[in-house]
């Protein structure tokens, strides 16, 4: 059986949290009020956990995704610089 990935965001309800609350550090925040990157991270974590793949495979895939988005950001920044 594959163990779920350890996460810094608490996605499961804790005694004092409602089901749609995330906790970063010691501060519970309703998910709808969390920063957009937190909301996206929660969605991605849930999607990745549903795949039931080994953490090493997920991390390798995330490296590919990160490289792709870093290239896209670089192109975006270069395009913005040329327009200035």
PDB file of N, CA and C in Angstrom:
ATOM      1  N   UNK A   1       0.841  -1.188   0.000  1.00  0.00           N
ATOM      2  CA  UNK A   1       0.000   0.000   0.000  1.00  0.00           C
ATOM      3  C   UNK A   1       0.884   1.249   0.000  1.00  0.00           C
ATOM      4  N   UNK A   2       0.538   2.198  -0.844  1.00  0.00           N
ATOM      5  CA  UNK A   2       1.291   3.444  -0.955  1.00  0.00           C
ATOM      6  C   UNK A   2       0.795   4.416   0.108  1.00  0.00           C
ATOM      7  N   UNK A   3       1.740   4.970   0.851  1.00  0.00           N
ATOM      8  CA  UNK A   3       1.379   5.944   1.874  1.00  0.00           C
ATOM      9  C   UNK A   3       1.097   7.280   1.212  1.00  0.00           C
ATOM     10  N   UNK A   4       0.118   8.047   1.717  1.00  0.00           N
ATOM     11  CA  UNK A   4      -0.132   9.377   1.151  1.00  0.00           C
ATOM     12  C   UNK A   4       1.076  10.281   1.368  1.00  0.00           C
ATOM     13  N   UNK A   5       1.224  11.242   0.465  1.00  0.00           N
ATOM     14  CA  UNK A   5       2.335  12.181   0.566  1.00  0.00           C
ATOM     15  C   UNK A   5       2.169  13.070   1.794  1.00  0.00           C
ATOM     16  N   UNK A   6       3.250  13.305   2.518  1.00  0.00           N
ATOM     17  CA  UNK A   6       3.155  14.281   3.609  1.00  0.00           C
ATOM     18  C   UNK A   6       3.033  15.674   3.010  1.00  0.00           C
ATOM     19  N   UNK A   7       2.183  16.491   3.572  1.00  0.00           N
ATOM     20  CA  UNK A   7       1.979  17.838   3.028  1.00  0.00           C
ATOM     21  C   UNK A   7       2.075  18.874   4.136  1.00  0.00           C
ATOM     22  N   UNK A   8       2.442  20.065   3.757  1.00  0.00           N
ATOM     23  CA  UNK A   8       2.487  21.162   4.709  1.00  0.00           C
ATOM     24  C   UNK A   8       1.102  21.752   4.915  1.00  0.00           C
ATOM     25  N   UNK A   9       0.262  21.622   3.913  1.00  0.00           N
ATOM     26  CA  UNK A   9      -1.106  22.105   4.033  1.00  0.00           C
ATOM     27  C   UNK A   9      -1.943  20.995   4.648  1.00  0.00           C
ATOM     28  N   UNK A  10      -2.717  21.308   5.637  1.00  0.00           N
ATOM     29  CA  UNK A  10      -3.603  20.325   6.245  1.00  0.00           C
ATOM     30  C   UNK A  10      -4.904  20.333   5.472  1.00  0.00           C
ATOM     31  N   UNK A  11      -5.146  19.272   4.713  1.00  0.00           N
ATOM     32  CA  UNK A  11      -6.344  19.205   3.885  1.00  0.00           C
ATOM     33  C   UNK A  11      -7.476  18.480   4.583  1.00  0.00           C
ATOM     34  N   UNK A  12      -7.163  17.660   5.548  1.00  0.00           N
ATOM     35  CA  UNK A  12      -8.196  16.914   6.240  1.00  0.00           C
ATOM     36  C   UNK A  12      -8.693  17.719   7.426  1.00  0.00           C
ATOM     37  N   UNK A  13      -9.952  17.581   7.719  1.00  0.00           N
ATOM     38  CA  UNK A  13     -10.488  18.360   8.847  1.00  0.00           C
ATOM     39  C   UNK A  13      -9.794  18.007  10.157  1.00  0.00           C
ATOM     40  N   UNK A  14      -9.478  19.016  10.913  1.00  0.00           N
ATOM     41  CA  UNK A  14      -8.959  18.851  12.260  1.00  0.00           C
ATOM     42  C   UNK A  14     -10.088  19.212  13.206  1.00  0.00           C
ATOM     43  N   UNK A  15      -9.961  18.917  14.495  1.00  0.00           N
ATOM     44  CA  UNK A  15     -11.078  19.148  15.409  1.00  0.00           C
ATOM     45  C   UNK A  15     -11.710  20.531  15.332  1.00  0.00           C
ATOM     46  N   UNK A  16     -10.897  21.566  15.140  1.00  0.00           N
ATOM     47  CA  UNK A  16     -11.436  22.926  15.139  1.00  0.00           C
ATOM     48  C   UNK A  16     -11.578  23.523  13.745  1.00  0.00           C
ATOM     49  N   UNK A  17     -11.414  22.706  12.690  1.00  0.00           N
ATOM     50  CA  UNK A  17     -11.477  23.228  11.332  1.00  0.00           C
ATOM     51  C   UNK A  17     -12.689  22.672  10.608  1.00  0.00           C
ATOM     52  N   UNK A  18     -13.258  23.485   9.739  1.00  0.00           N
ATOM     53  CA  UNK A  18     -14.354  23.015   8.903  1.00  0.00           C
ATOM     54  C   UNK A  18     -13.770  22.253   7.728  1.00  0.00           C
ATOM     55  N   UNK A  19     -14.562  21.447   7.005  1.00  0.00           N
ATOM     56  CA  UNK A  19     -14.015  20.636   5.909  1.00  0.00           C
ATOM     57  C   UNK A  19     -13.301  21.424   4.820  1.00  0.00           C
ATOM     58  N   UNK A  20     -13.676  22.650   4.589  1.00  0.00           N
ATOM     59  CA  UNK A  20     -13.071  23.431   3.515  1.00  0.00           C
ATOM     60  C   UNK A  20     -12.120  24.485   4.070  1.00  0.00           C
ATOM     61  N   UNK A  21     -11.328  24.076   5.042  1.00  0.00           N
ATOM     62  CA  UNK A  21     -10.363  24.973   5.669  1.00  0.00           C
ATOM     63  C   UNK A  21      -8.966  24.388   5.496  1.00  0.00           C
ATOM     64  N   UNK A  22      -8.036  25.242   5.162  1.00  0.00           N
ATOM     65  CA  UNK A  22      -6.644  24.810   5.105  1.00  0.00           C
ATOM     66  C   UNK A  22      -5.908  25.490   6.242  1.00  0.00           C
ATOM     67  N   UNK A  23      -4.868  24.846   6.690  1.00  0.00           N
ATOM     68  CA  UNK A  23      -4.073  25.398   7.762  1.00  0.00           C
ATOM     69  C   UNK A  23      -2.630  25.452   7.302  1.00  0.00           C
ATOM     70  N   UNK A  24      -2.103  26.655   7.198  1.00  0.00           N
ATOM     71  CA  UNK A  24      -0.690  26.815   6.893  1.00  0.00           C
ATOM     72  C   UNK A  24      -0.065  27.327   8.174  1.00  0.00           C
ATOM     73  N   UNK A  25       0.933  26.619   8.644  1.00  0.00           N
ATOM     74  CA  UNK A  25       1.539  26.917   9.944  1.00  0.00           C
ATOM     75  C   UNK A  25       0.465  26.760  11.018  1.00  0.00           C
ATOM     76  N   UNK A  26       0.174  27.817  11.771  1.00  0.00           N
ATOM     77  CA  UNK A  26      -0.809  27.718  12.855  1.00  0.00           C
ATOM     78  C   UNK A  26      -2.083  28.491  12.571  1.00  0.00           C
ATOM     79  N   UNK A  27      -2.264  28.958  11.353  1.00  0.00           N
ATOM     80  CA  UNK A  27      -3.392  29.824  11.042  1.00  0.00           C
ATOM     81  C   UNK A  27      -4.394  29.148  10.115  1.00  0.00           C
ATOM     82  N   UNK A  28      -5.542  28.691  10.624  1.00  0.00           N
ATOM     83  CA  UNK A  28      -6.565  28.120   9.745  1.00  0.00           C
ATOM     84  C   UNK A  28      -7.211  29.213   8.891  1.00  0.00           C
ATOM     85  N   UNK A  29      -7.396  28.927   7.613  1.00  0.00           N
ATOM     86  CA  UNK A  29      -7.997  29.875   6.681  1.00  0.00           C
ATOM     87  C   UNK A  29      -9.018  29.125   5.836  1.00  0.00           C
ATOM     88  N   UNK A  30     -10.228  29.685   5.676  1.00  0.00           N
ATOM     89  CA  UNK A  30     -11.170  29.033   4.756  1.00  0.00           C
ATOM     90  C   UNK A  30     -10.529  28.943   3.368  1.00  0.00           C
ATOM     91  N   UNK A  31     -10.664  27.808   2.725  1.00  0.00           N
ATOM     92  CA  UNK A  31     -10.034  27.592   1.430  1.00  0.00           C
ATOM     93  C   UNK A  31     -10.430  28.663   0.424  1.00  0.00           C
ATOM     94  N   UNK A  32     -11.675  29.062   0.431  1.00  0.00           N
ATOM     95  CA  UNK A  32     -12.151  30.081  -0.512  1.00  0.00           C
ATOM     96  C   UNK A  32     -11.466  31.428  -0.294  1.00  0.00           C
ATOM     97  N   UNK A  33     -10.936  31.659   0.908  1.00  0.00           N
ATOM     98  CA  UNK A  33     -10.264  32.929   1.204  1.00  0.00           C
ATOM     99  C   UNK A  33      -8.745  32.809   1.130  1.00  0.00           C
ATOM    100  N   UNK A  34      -8.252  31.620   0.905  1.00  0.00           N
ATOM    101  CA  UNK A  34      -6.803  31.421   0.815  1.00  0.00           C
ATOM    102  C   UNK A  34      -6.284  32.019  -0.484  1.00  0.00           C
ATOM    103  N   UNK A  35      -5.005  32.287  -0.519  1.00  0.00           N
ATOM    104  CA  UNK A  35      -4.372  32.815  -1.731  1.00  0.00           C
ATOM    105  C   UNK A  35      -4.568  31.825  -2.879  1.00  0.00           C
ATOM    106  N   UNK A  36      -4.619  32.337  -4.085  1.00  0.00           N
ATOM    107  CA  UNK A  36      -4.889  31.501  -5.255  1.00  0.00           C
ATOM    108  C   UNK A  36      -3.854  30.386  -5.388  1.00  0.00           C
ATOM    109  N   UNK A  37      -2.582  30.656  -5.032  1.00  0.00           N
ATOM    110  CA  UNK A  37      -1.578  29.597  -5.139  1.00  0.00           C
ATOM    111  C   UNK A  37      -1.829  28.485  -4.115  1.00  0.00           C
ATOM    112  N   UNK A  38      -2.417  28.820  -2.970  1.00  0.00           N
ATOM    113  CA  UNK A  38      -2.777  27.797  -1.980  1.00  0.00           C
ATOM    114  C   UNK A  38      -3.931  26.957  -2.510  1.00  0.00           C
ATOM    115  N   UNK A  39      -4.926  27.618  -3.085  1.00  0.00           N
ATOM    116  CA  UNK A  39      -6.065  26.884  -3.657  1.00  0.00           C
ATOM    117  C   UNK A  39      -5.592  25.934  -4.757  1.00  0.00           C
ATOM    118  N   UNK A  40      -4.707  26.413  -5.614  1.00  0.00           N
ATOM    119  CA  UNK A  40      -4.177  25.578  -6.684  1.00  0.00           C
ATOM    120  C   UNK A  40      -3.362  24.419  -6.113  1.00  0.00           C
ATOM    121  N   UNK A  41      -2.550  24.697  -5.109  1.00  0.00           N
ATOM    122  CA  UNK A  41      -1.752  23.641  -4.477  1.00  0.00           C
ATOM    123  C   UNK A  41      -2.652  22.556  -3.886  1.00  0.00           C
ATOM    124  N   UNK A  42      -3.726  22.957  -3.249  1.00  0.00           N
ATOM    125  CA  UNK A  42      -4.669  21.984  -2.679  1.00  0.00           C
ATOM    126  C   UNK A  42      -5.259  21.122  -3.792  1.00  0.00           C
ATOM    127  N   UNK A  43      -5.683  21.752  -4.870  1.00  0.00           N
ATOM    128  CA  UNK A  43      -6.240  20.996  -6.010  1.00  0.00           C
ATOM    129  C   UNK A  43      -5.212  20.022  -6.576  1.00  0.00           C
ATOM    130  N   UNK A  44      -3.981  20.481  -6.727  1.00  0.00           N
ATOM    131  CA  UNK A  44      -2.926  19.621  -7.283  1.00  0.00           C
ATOM    132  C   UNK A  44      -2.596  18.454  -6.353  1.00  0.00           C
ATOM    133  N   UNK A  45      -2.511  18.727  -5.054  1.00  0.00           N
ATOM    134  CA  UNK A  45      -2.238  17.665  -4.087  1.00  0.00           C
ATOM    135  C   UNK A  45      -3.330  16.601  -4.143  1.00  0.00           C
ATOM    136  N   UNK A  46      -4.572  17.041  -4.170  1.00  0.00           N
ATOM    137  CA  UNK A  46      -5.678  16.078  -4.224  1.00  0.00           C
ATOM    138  C   UNK A  46      -5.626  15.262  -5.512  1.00  0.00           C
ATOM    139  N   UNK A  47      -5.366  15.911  -6.633  1.00  0.00           N
ATOM    140  CA  UNK A  47      -5.278  15.219  -7.912  1.00  0.00           C
ATOM    141  C   UNK A  47      -4.137  14.200  -7.910  1.00  0.00           C
ATOM    142  N   UNK A  48      -2.990  14.607  -7.402  1.00  0.00           N
ATOM    143  CA  UNK A  48      -1.835  13.717  -7.376  1.00  0.00           C
ATOM    144  C   UNK A  48      -2.045  12.540  -6.422  1.00  0.00           C
ATOM    145  N   UNK A  49      -2.660  12.784  -5.282  1.00  0.00           N
ATOM    146  CA  UNK A  49      -2.932  11.690  -4.343  1.00  0.00           C
ATOM    147  C   UNK A  49      -3.900  10.670  -4.941  1.00  0.00           C
ATOM    148  N   UNK A  50      -4.841  11.135  -5.760  1.00  0.00           N
ATOM    149  CA  UNK A  50      -5.805  10.224  -6.393  1.00  0.00           C
ATOM    150  C   UNK A  50      -5.122   9.264  -7.369  1.00  0.00           C
ATOM    151  N   UNK A  51      -3.973   9.651  -7.892  1.00  0.00           N
ATOM    152  CA  UNK A  51      -3.265   8.809  -8.851  1.00  0.00           C
ATOM    153  C   UNK A  51      -2.639   7.581  -8.197  1.00  0.00           C
ATOM    154  N   UNK A  52      -2.448   7.634  -6.904  1.00  0.00           N
ATOM    155  CA  UNK A  52      -1.873   6.525  -6.135  1.00  0.00           C
ATOM    156  C   UNK A  52      -0.561   6.021  -6.748  1.00  0.00           C
ATOM    157  N   UNK A  53       0.296   6.958  -7.065  1.00  0.00           N
ATOM    158  CA  UNK A  53       1.622   6.648  -7.607  1.00  0.00           C
ATOM    159  C   UNK A  53       2.670   6.845  -6.522  1.00  0.00           C
ATOM    160  N   UNK A  54       3.806   6.207  -6.669  1.00  0.00           N
ATOM    161  CA  UNK A  54       4.878   6.415  -5.690  1.00  0.00           C
ATOM    162  C   UNK A  54       5.322   7.885  -5.675  1.00  0.00           C
ATOM    163  N   UNK A  55       5.685   8.386  -4.509  1.00  0.00           N
ATOM    164  CA  UNK A  55       6.124   9.781  -4.413  1.00  0.00           C
ATOM    165  C   UNK A  55       7.258  10.125  -5.371  1.00  0.00           C
ATOM    166  N   UNK A  56       8.174   9.208  -5.623  1.00  0.00           N
ATOM    167  CA  UNK A  56       9.294   9.492  -6.538  1.00  0.00           C
ATOM    168  C   UNK A  56       8.790   9.785  -7.950  1.00  0.00           C
ATOM    169  N   UNK A  57       7.766   9.069  -8.391  1.00  0.00           N
ATOM    170  CA  UNK A  57       7.197   9.296  -9.726  1.00  0.00           C
ATOM    171  C   UNK A  57       6.521  10.656  -9.774  1.00  0.00           C
ATOM    172  N   UNK A  58       5.772  10.970  -8.744  1.00  0.00           N
ATOM    173  CA  UNK A  58       5.078  12.265  -8.692  1.00  0.00           C
ATOM    174  C   UNK A  58       6.094  13.406  -8.676  1.00  0.00           C
ATOM    175  N   UNK A  59       7.146  13.272  -7.890  1.00  0.00           N
ATOM    176  CA  UNK A  59       8.166  14.322  -7.827  1.00  0.00           C
ATOM    177  C   UNK A  59       8.879  14.483  -9.166  1.00  0.00           C
ATOM    178  N   UNK A  60       9.138  13.384  -9.861  1.00  0.00           N
ATOM    179  CA  UNK A  60       9.771  13.465 -11.181  1.00  0.00           C
ATOM    180  C   UNK A  60       8.857  14.200 -12.160  1.00  0.00           C
ATOM    181  N   UNK A  61       7.577  13.899 -12.108  1.00  0.00           N
ATOM    182  CA  UNK A  61       6.614  14.577 -12.982  1.00  0.00           C
ATOM    183  C   UNK A  61       6.533  16.067 -12.635  1.00  0.00           C
ATOM    184  N   UNK A  62       6.563  16.370 -11.355  1.00  0.00           N
ATOM    185  CA  UNK A  62       6.503  17.776 -10.943  1.00  0.00           C
ATOM    186  C   UNK A  62       7.745  18.550 -11.386  1.00  0.00           C
ATOM    187  N   UNK A  63       8.893  17.906 -11.431  1.00  0.00           N
ATOM    188  CA  UNK A  63      10.108  18.560 -11.941  1.00  0.00           C
ATOM    189  C   UNK A  63       9.924  18.941 -13.408  1.00  0.00           C
ATOM    190  N   UNK A  64       9.334  18.043 -14.185  1.00  0.00           N
ATOM    191  CA  UNK A  64       9.073  18.317 -15.603  1.00  0.00           C
ATOM    192  C   UNK A  64       8.106  19.483 -15.737  1.00  0.00           C
ATOM    193  N   UNK A  65       7.064  19.460 -14.938  1.00  0.00           N
ATOM    194  CA  UNK A  65       6.068  20.543 -14.974  1.00  0.00           C
ATOM    195  C   UNK A  65       6.715  21.864 -14.577  1.00  0.00           C
ATOM    196  N   UNK A  66       7.532  21.839 -13.535  1.00  0.00           N
ATOM    197  CA  UNK A  66       8.195  23.065 -13.091  1.00  0.00           C
ATOM    198  C   UNK A  66       9.100  23.630 -14.180  1.00  0.00           C
ATOM    199  N   UNK A  67       9.873  22.776 -14.830  1.00  0.00           N
ATOM    200  CA  UNK A  67      10.747  23.234 -15.912  1.00  0.00           C
ATOM    201  C   UNK A  67       9.935  23.851 -17.046  1.00  0.00           C
ATOM    202  N   UNK A  68       8.820  23.235 -17.373  1.00  0.00           N
ATOM    203  CA  UNK A  68       7.976  23.743 -18.444  1.00  0.00           C
ATOM    204  C   UNK A  68       7.435  25.134 -18.102  1.00  0.00           C
ATOM    205  N   UNK A  69       6.957  25.293 -16.874  1.00  0.00           N
ATOM    206  CA  UNK A  69       6.413  26.596 -16.488  1.00  0.00           C
ATOM    207  C   UNK A  69       7.505  27.638 -16.309  1.00  0.00           C
ATOM    208  N   UNK A  70       8.710  27.220 -15.912  1.00  0.00           N
ATOM    209  CA  UNK A  70       9.814  28.173 -15.833  1.00  0.00           C
ATOM    210  C   UNK A  70      10.188  28.680 -17.214  1.00  0.00           C
ATOM    211  N   UNK A  71      10.181  27.789 -18.222  1.00  0.00           N
ATOM    212  CA  UNK A  71      10.436  28.227 -19.609  1.00  0.00           C
ATOM    213  C   UNK A  71       9.348  29.190 -20.071  1.00  0.00           C
ATOM    214  N   UNK A  72       8.098  28.865 -19.769  1.00  0.00           N
ATOM    215  CA  UNK A  72       6.989  29.735 -20.171  1.00  0.00           C
ATOM    216  C   UNK A  72       7.115  31.109 -19.512  1.00  0.00           C
ATOM    217  N   UNK A  73       7.515  31.142 -18.240  1.00  0.00           N
ATOM    218  CA  UNK A  73       7.700  32.410 -17.543  1.00  0.00           C
ATOM    219  C   UNK A  73       8.830  33.216 -18.173  1.00  0.00           C
ATOM    220  N   UNK A  74       9.918  32.546 -18.520  1.00  0.00           N
ATOM    221  CA  UNK A  74      11.048  33.221 -19.153  1.00  0.00           C
ATOM    222  C   UNK A  74      10.630  33.845 -20.482  1.00  0.00           C
ATOM    223  N   UNK A  75       9.894  33.105 -21.294  1.00  0.00           N
ATOM    224  CA  UNK A  75       9.405  33.631 -22.573  1.00  0.00           C
ATOM    225  C   UNK A  75       8.497  34.831 -22.324  1.00  0.00           C
ATOM    226  N   UNK A  76       7.627  34.716 -21.329  1.00  0.00           N
ATOM    227  CA  UNK A  76       6.714  35.818 -20.995  1.00  0.00           C
ATOM    228  C   UNK A  76       7.498  37.056 -20.583  1.00  0.00           C
ATOM    229  N   UNK A  77       8.530  36.867 -19.757  1.00  0.00           N
ATOM    230  CA  UNK A  77       9.348  38.000 -19.306  1.00  0.00           C
ATOM    231  C   UNK A  77      10.127  38.624 -20.454  1.00  0.00           C
ATOM    232  N   UNK A  78      10.652  37.791 -21.355  1.00  0.00           N
ATOM    233  CA  UNK A  78      11.394  38.299 -22.502  1.00  0.00           C
ATOM    234  C   UNK A  78      10.470  39.086 -23.437  1.00  0.00           C
ATOM    235  N   UNK A  79       9.261  38.591 -23.614  1.00  0.00           N
ATOM    236  CA  UNK A  79       8.293  39.286 -24.459  1.00  0.00           C
ATOM    237  C   UNK A  79       7.920  40.626 -23.853  1.00  0.00           C
ATOM    238  N   UNK A  80       7.727  40.660 -22.544  1.00  0.00           N
ATOM    239  CA  UNK A  80       7.372  41.906 -21.856  1.00  0.00           C
ATOM    240  C   UNK A  80       8.520  42.917 -21.942  1.00  0.00           C
ATOM    241  N   UNK A  81       9.767  42.445 -21.847  1.00  0.00           N
ATOM    242  CA  UNK A  81      10.930  43.324 -21.935  1.00  0.00           C
ATOM    243  C   UNK A  81      11.023  43.945 -23.321  1.00  0.00           C
ATOM    244  N   UNK A  82      10.746  43.167 -24.357  1.00  0.00           N
ATOM    245  CA  UNK A  82      10.815  43.690 -25.727  1.00  0.00           C
ATOM    246  C   UNK A  82       9.740  44.719 -26.008  1.00  0.00           C
ATOM    247  N   UNK A  83       8.620  44.609 -25.316  1.00  0.00           N
ATOM    248  CA  UNK A  83       7.516  45.553 -25.553  1.00  0.00           C
ATOM    249  C   UNK A  83       7.726  46.862 -24.823  1.00  0.00           C
ATOM    250  N   UNK A  84       8.638  46.896 -23.853  1.00  0.00           N
ATOM    251  CA  UNK A  84       8.889  48.133 -23.088  1.00  0.00           C
ATOM    252  C   UNK A  84       9.735  49.099 -23.815  1.00  0.00           C
TER     253      UNK A  84
END
